């Protein structure tokens, strides 16, 4: 037996299997995939949305837009507490304001590197 003859035998064996079992295998795989997708959609429907019923005021300093802002005694700009400029200030130099308007009235301007400030 030579190599081309072995190749032909393998091809003929494979063609017979595909002819006999190919459609059955395809139908079974499609059925399993459909069942799995149906189970996934059922799990999505069961999840309830997350809701916040009550948020306590003053729990975190300035963690919402329009809340408290901070400025440095030595600087001229105010920041949200999570901005890089505010985090680099020493705690002794921080001045807290209840709003952006209060910081403006005190002579401070918005920091340019803090997203969300005008």
N, C-alpha and C. Protein backbone atom coordinates (compact mmCIF):
# COMPACT_ATOMS: atom_id res chain seq x y z
N UNK A 1 0.84 -1.18 0.00
CA UNK A 1 0.00 0.00 0.00
C UNK A 1 0.88 1.25 0.00
N UNK A 2 0.51 2.19 -0.82
CA UNK A 2 1.26 3.43 -0.85
C UNK A 2 0.43 4.55 -0.21
N UNK A 3 1.02 5.69 -0.05
CA UNK A 3 0.40 6.81 0.67
C UNK A 3 -0.86 7.32 -0.04
N UNK A 4 -0.88 7.50 -1.36
CA UNK A 4 -2.12 7.97 -2.00
C UNK A 4 -3.29 7.01 -1.78
N UNK A 5 -3.02 5.71 -1.78
CA UNK A 5 -4.10 4.74 -1.57
C UNK A 5 -4.64 4.84 -0.14
N UNK A 6 -3.77 5.04 0.82
CA UNK A 6 -4.21 5.21 2.22
C UNK A 6 -5.06 6.46 2.34
N UNK A 7 -4.66 7.52 1.67
CA UNK A 7 -5.44 8.77 1.70
C UNK A 7 -6.83 8.57 1.14
N UNK A 8 -6.94 7.84 0.03
CA UNK A 8 -8.26 7.57 -0.57
C UNK A 8 -9.14 6.76 0.37
N UNK A 9 -8.59 5.78 1.06
CA UNK A 9 -9.37 4.96 2.00
C UNK A 9 -9.90 5.81 3.17
N UNK A 10 -9.04 6.70 3.66
CA UNK A 10 -9.46 7.57 4.78
C UNK A 10 -10.58 8.50 4.31
N UNK A 11 -10.47 9.06 3.11
CA UNK A 11 -11.52 9.95 2.58
C UNK A 11 -12.83 9.19 2.41
N UNK A 12 -12.77 7.98 1.86
CA UNK A 12 -14.00 7.22 1.66
C UNK A 12 -14.65 6.87 3.00
N UNK A 13 -13.85 6.56 3.99
CA UNK A 13 -14.38 6.26 5.32
C UNK A 13 -15.06 7.49 5.92
N UNK A 14 -14.41 8.65 5.78
CA UNK A 14 -14.97 9.90 6.30
C UNK A 14 -16.25 10.29 5.60
N UNK A 15 -16.33 10.11 4.28
CA UNK A 15 -17.53 10.45 3.53
C UNK A 15 -18.71 9.59 3.97
N UNK A 16 -18.47 8.31 4.25
CA UNK A 16 -19.54 7.43 4.70
C UNK A 16 -20.09 7.85 6.05
N UNK A 17 -19.21 8.23 6.94
CA UNK A 17 -19.64 8.68 8.28
C UNK A 17 -20.44 9.96 8.18
N UNK A 18 -19.98 10.91 7.36
CA UNK A 18 -20.69 12.18 7.22
C UNK A 18 -22.06 11.94 6.60
N UNK A 19 -22.14 11.07 5.60
CA UNK A 19 -23.42 10.79 4.97
C UNK A 19 -24.40 10.18 5.96
N UNK A 20 -23.94 9.25 6.78
CA UNK A 20 -24.83 8.54 7.69
C UNK A 20 -25.16 9.35 8.95
N UNK A 21 -24.17 9.97 9.55
CA UNK A 21 -24.35 10.61 10.85
C UNK A 21 -24.28 12.13 10.83
N UNK A 22 -23.91 12.72 9.71
CA UNK A 22 -23.72 14.17 9.65
C UNK A 22 -24.96 14.97 10.01
N UNK A 23 -26.09 14.62 9.40
CA UNK A 23 -27.32 15.36 9.65
C UNK A 23 -27.78 15.15 11.09
N UNK A 24 -27.64 13.95 11.61
CA UNK A 24 -28.04 13.68 12.99
C UNK A 24 -27.20 14.52 13.96
N UNK A 25 -25.91 14.57 13.71
CA UNK A 25 -25.01 15.35 14.58
C UNK A 25 -25.36 16.83 14.51
N UNK A 26 -25.63 17.34 13.32
CA UNK A 26 -26.00 18.76 13.17
C UNK A 26 -27.29 19.07 13.90
N UNK A 27 -28.30 18.21 13.79
CA UNK A 27 -29.57 18.44 14.47
C UNK A 27 -29.38 18.43 15.99
N UNK A 28 -28.60 17.51 16.49
CA UNK A 28 -28.35 17.43 17.93
C UNK A 28 -27.62 18.69 18.42
N UNK A 29 -26.62 19.14 17.68
CA UNK A 29 -25.88 20.34 18.08
C UNK A 29 -26.77 21.58 18.07
N UNK A 30 -27.64 21.71 17.07
CA UNK A 30 -28.56 22.85 17.01
C UNK A 30 -29.54 22.78 18.18
N UNK A 31 -30.01 21.61 18.51
CA UNK A 31 -30.92 21.46 19.64
C UNK A 31 -30.26 21.84 20.96
N UNK A 32 -29.03 21.39 21.17
CA UNK A 32 -28.32 21.75 22.40
C UNK A 32 -28.06 23.26 22.48
N UNK A 33 -27.68 23.86 21.36
CA UNK A 33 -27.44 25.31 21.35
C UNK A 33 -28.73 26.07 21.66
N UNK A 34 -29.85 25.64 21.08
CA UNK A 34 -31.13 26.31 21.34
C UNK A 34 -31.53 26.19 22.80
N UNK A 35 -31.34 25.01 23.36
CA UNK A 35 -31.67 24.80 24.77
C UNK A 35 -30.82 25.71 25.66
N UNK A 36 -29.52 25.78 25.38
CA UNK A 36 -28.62 26.63 26.17
C UNK A 36 -28.99 28.10 26.08
N UNK A 37 -29.32 28.57 24.89
CA UNK A 37 -29.72 29.97 24.74
C UNK A 37 -31.04 30.25 25.44
N UNK A 38 -31.94 29.29 25.42
CA UNK A 38 -33.20 29.46 26.14
C UNK A 38 -32.98 29.58 27.64
N UNK A 39 -32.08 28.78 28.17
CA UNK A 39 -31.76 28.85 29.60
C UNK A 39 -31.12 30.19 29.95
N UNK A 40 -30.26 30.69 29.09
CA UNK A 40 -29.62 31.98 29.35
C UNK A 40 -30.65 33.10 29.39
N UNK A 41 -31.61 33.08 28.46
CA UNK A 41 -32.61 34.15 28.44
C UNK A 41 -33.51 34.06 29.67
N UNK A 42 -33.77 32.85 30.17
CA UNK A 42 -34.58 32.71 31.38
C UNK A 42 -33.85 33.28 32.59
N UNK A 43 -32.54 33.11 32.65
CA UNK A 43 -31.76 33.67 33.76
C UNK A 43 -31.76 35.19 33.71
N UNK A 44 -31.69 35.78 32.52
CA UNK A 44 -31.71 37.24 32.38
C UNK A 44 -33.03 37.80 32.89
N UNK A 45 -34.14 37.12 32.62
CA UNK A 45 -35.45 37.61 33.05
C UNK A 45 -35.61 37.55 34.56
N UNK A 46 -34.93 36.61 35.23
CA UNK A 46 -35.07 36.44 36.67
C UNK A 46 -34.33 37.50 37.47
N UNK A 47 -33.33 38.12 36.89
CA UNK A 47 -32.54 39.12 37.64
C UNK A 47 -33.38 40.37 37.87
N UNK A 48 -33.42 40.82 39.11
CA UNK A 48 -34.15 42.05 39.41
C UNK A 48 -33.19 43.23 39.32
N UNK A 49 -33.68 44.39 38.89
CA UNK A 49 -32.80 45.55 38.78
C UNK A 49 -32.39 46.07 40.17
N UNK A 50 -31.24 46.68 40.22
CA UNK A 50 -30.74 47.26 41.46
C UNK A 50 -31.38 48.64 41.64
N UNK A 51 -31.94 48.88 42.80
CA UNK A 51 -32.53 50.18 43.08
C UNK A 51 -31.98 50.71 44.40
N UNK A 52 -31.84 52.01 44.47
CA UNK A 52 -31.40 52.67 45.70
C UNK A 52 -32.62 53.36 46.28
N UNK A 53 -33.04 52.90 47.44
CA UNK A 53 -34.23 53.44 48.04
C UNK A 53 -33.95 54.70 48.84
N UNK A 54 -32.81 54.74 49.51
CA UNK A 54 -32.51 55.89 50.35
C UNK A 54 -31.00 56.12 50.36
N UNK A 55 -30.59 57.31 50.04
CA UNK A 55 -29.18 57.67 50.11
C UNK A 55 -29.02 58.70 51.20
N UNK A 56 -28.16 58.42 52.16
CA UNK A 56 -27.95 59.35 53.26
C UNK A 56 -27.08 60.50 52.81
N UNK A 57 -27.48 61.70 53.12
CA UNK A 57 -26.71 62.88 52.76
C UNK A 57 -25.51 63.01 53.68
N UNK A 58 -24.38 63.41 53.13
CA UNK A 58 -23.20 63.66 53.91
C UNK A 58 -22.38 62.43 54.25
N UNK A 59 -22.68 61.28 53.66
CA UNK A 59 -21.89 60.08 53.94
C UNK A 59 -20.48 60.19 53.39
N UNK A 60 -20.33 60.75 52.19
CA UNK A 60 -19.02 60.88 51.56
C UNK A 60 -18.85 62.33 51.11
N UNK A 61 -17.67 62.85 51.31
CA UNK A 61 -17.43 64.25 50.94
C UNK A 61 -17.34 64.40 49.43
N UNK A 62 -18.27 65.15 48.84
CA UNK A 62 -18.19 65.55 47.45
C UNK A 62 -18.21 64.41 46.44
N UNK A 63 -18.84 63.31 46.70
CA UNK A 63 -18.84 62.22 45.74
C UNK A 63 -19.97 62.34 44.74
N UNK A 64 -20.51 63.50 44.57
CA UNK A 64 -21.54 63.73 43.56
C UNK A 64 -21.31 65.10 42.96
N UNK A 65 -21.67 65.28 41.70
CA UNK A 65 -21.46 66.55 41.02
C UNK A 65 -22.35 67.60 41.66
N UNK A 66 -21.80 68.77 41.90
CA UNK A 66 -22.55 69.85 42.53
C UNK A 66 -22.42 69.84 44.04
N UNK A 67 -21.62 68.95 44.59
CA UNK A 67 -21.46 68.86 46.03
C UNK A 67 -20.29 69.68 46.51
N UNK A 68 -19.67 69.23 47.58
CA UNK A 68 -18.56 69.94 48.16
C UNK A 68 -17.35 69.96 47.23
N UNK A 69 -16.61 71.04 47.30
CA UNK A 69 -15.37 71.18 46.55
C UNK A 69 -14.28 71.58 47.54
N UNK A 70 -13.05 71.38 47.13
CA UNK A 70 -11.92 71.66 48.00
C UNK A 70 -10.90 72.52 47.26
N UNK A 71 -10.27 73.40 48.00
CA UNK A 71 -9.21 74.24 47.44
C UNK A 71 -8.05 74.28 48.43
N UNK A 72 -6.92 74.70 47.95
CA UNK A 72 -5.75 74.82 48.80
C UNK A 72 -5.64 76.26 49.28
N UNK A 73 -5.18 76.44 50.51
CA UNK A 73 -4.97 77.81 51.02
C UNK A 73 -3.95 78.56 50.17
N UNK A 74 -3.00 77.83 49.59
CA UNK A 74 -1.94 78.47 48.80
C UNK A 74 -2.28 78.56 47.32
N UNK A 75 -3.35 77.93 46.86
CA UNK A 75 -3.66 77.88 45.44
C UNK A 75 -4.74 78.87 45.05
N UNK A 76 -5.14 78.79 43.76
CA UNK A 76 -6.18 79.68 43.27
C UNK A 76 -7.31 78.90 42.59
N UNK A 77 -7.28 77.58 42.61
CA UNK A 77 -8.29 76.77 41.95
C UNK A 77 -8.95 75.82 42.94
N UNK A 78 -10.22 75.50 42.67
CA UNK A 78 -10.92 74.51 43.49
C UNK A 78 -11.11 73.24 42.68
N UNK A 79 -11.24 72.11 43.39
CA UNK A 79 -11.30 70.78 42.78
C UNK A 79 -12.42 69.97 43.42
N UNK A 80 -12.88 68.94 42.68
CA UNK A 80 -13.69 67.91 43.33
C UNK A 80 -12.73 67.06 44.16
N UNK A 81 -13.20 66.46 45.23
CA UNK A 81 -12.31 65.70 46.11
C UNK A 81 -11.59 64.52 45.44
N UNK A 82 -12.15 63.98 44.36
CA UNK A 82 -11.53 62.82 43.70
C UNK A 82 -10.57 63.22 42.59
N UNK A 83 -10.41 64.49 42.32
CA UNK A 83 -9.49 64.95 41.28
C UNK A 83 -8.04 64.83 41.75
N UNK A 84 -7.11 64.66 40.81
CA UNK A 84 -5.70 64.50 41.19
C UNK A 84 -5.15 65.69 41.98
N UNK A 85 -5.56 66.90 41.63
CA UNK A 85 -5.06 68.08 42.33
C UNK A 85 -5.49 68.09 43.79
N UNK A 86 -6.71 67.65 44.06
CA UNK A 86 -7.21 67.63 45.44
C UNK A 86 -6.52 66.54 46.25
N UNK A 87 -6.20 65.44 45.61
CA UNK A 87 -5.57 64.34 46.33
C UNK A 87 -4.11 64.63 46.67
N UNK A 88 -3.50 65.56 45.94
CA UNK A 88 -2.11 65.88 46.22
C UNK A 88 -1.96 67.00 47.26
N UNK A 89 -3.04 67.62 47.66
CA UNK A 89 -2.97 68.69 48.68
C UNK A 89 -2.74 68.08 50.06
N UNK A 90 -2.01 68.79 50.88
CA UNK A 90 -1.84 68.31 52.25
C UNK A 90 -3.13 68.61 53.02
N UNK A 91 -3.54 67.74 53.91
CA UNK A 91 -4.79 67.94 54.65
C UNK A 91 -4.82 69.26 55.43
N UNK A 92 -3.68 69.75 55.86
CA UNK A 92 -3.66 71.00 56.62
C UNK A 92 -3.98 72.21 55.74
N UNK A 93 -3.71 72.11 54.44
CA UNK A 93 -3.95 73.23 53.53
C UNK A 93 -5.32 73.20 52.85
N UNK A 94 -6.11 72.17 53.09
CA UNK A 94 -7.40 72.05 52.40
C UNK A 94 -8.43 72.98 53.01
N UNK A 95 -9.16 73.66 52.12
CA UNK A 95 -10.31 74.47 52.52
C UNK A 95 -11.52 73.87 51.82
N UNK A 96 -12.57 73.53 52.56
CA UNK A 96 -13.76 72.92 52.00
C UNK A 96 -14.84 73.97 51.78
N UNK A 97 -15.51 73.87 50.64
CA UNK A 97 -16.63 74.74 50.32
C UNK A 97 -17.86 73.87 50.06
N UNK A 98 -19.04 74.37 50.44
CA UNK A 98 -20.28 73.61 50.28
C UNK A 98 -20.70 73.48 48.82
N UNK A 99 -20.25 74.41 47.96
CA UNK A 99 -20.65 74.37 46.55
C UNK A 99 -19.59 75.07 45.71
N UNK A 100 -19.72 74.92 44.41
CA UNK A 100 -18.82 75.61 43.49
C UNK A 100 -19.02 77.13 43.59
N UNK A 101 -20.25 77.53 43.76
CA UNK A 101 -20.56 78.96 43.86
C UNK A 101 -19.87 79.58 45.08
N UNK A 102 -19.86 78.88 46.20
CA UNK A 102 -19.19 79.39 47.40
C UNK A 102 -17.68 79.52 47.16
N UNK A 103 -17.09 78.59 46.43
CA UNK A 103 -15.66 78.67 46.13
C UNK A 103 -15.37 79.84 45.20
N UNK A 104 -16.26 80.08 44.24
CA UNK A 104 -16.07 81.23 43.33
C UNK A 104 -16.17 82.55 44.09
N UNK A 105 -17.14 82.61 45.01
CA UNK A 105 -17.28 83.84 45.80
C UNK A 105 -16.06 84.11 46.66
N UNK A 106 -15.35 83.06 47.06
CA UNK A 106 -14.14 83.21 47.86
C UNK A 106 -12.92 83.54 47.00
N UNK A 107 -13.10 83.62 45.67
CA UNK A 107 -12.01 84.02 44.79
C UNK A 107 -11.29 82.89 44.08
N UNK A 108 -11.79 81.67 44.20
CA UNK A 108 -11.17 80.53 43.53
C UNK A 108 -11.81 80.28 42.17
N UNK A 109 -11.05 79.75 41.24
CA UNK A 109 -11.56 79.41 39.91
C UNK A 109 -11.54 77.88 39.75
N UNK A 110 -12.30 77.33 38.77
CA UNK A 110 -12.31 75.87 38.59
C UNK A 110 -10.97 75.36 38.08
N UNK A 111 -10.57 74.20 38.55
CA UNK A 111 -9.31 73.59 38.11
C UNK A 111 -9.48 73.08 36.69
N UNK A 112 -8.47 73.27 35.86
CA UNK A 112 -8.56 72.87 34.47
C UNK A 112 -8.35 71.37 34.27
N UNK A 113 -7.69 70.70 35.20
CA UNK A 113 -7.42 69.27 35.05
C UNK A 113 -8.45 68.40 35.76
N UNK A 114 -9.55 68.97 36.21
CA UNK A 114 -10.59 68.22 36.93
C UNK A 114 -11.83 68.15 36.05
N UNK A 115 -12.15 66.96 35.55
CA UNK A 115 -13.30 66.79 34.65
C UNK A 115 -14.59 67.12 35.37
N UNK A 116 -15.47 67.85 34.68
CA UNK A 116 -16.77 68.17 35.23
C UNK A 116 -16.88 69.60 35.77
N UNK A 117 -15.75 70.25 35.97
CA UNK A 117 -15.79 71.64 36.43
C UNK A 117 -15.84 72.57 35.22
N UNK A 118 -16.61 73.64 35.33
CA UNK A 118 -16.72 74.59 34.21
C UNK A 118 -15.62 75.63 34.29
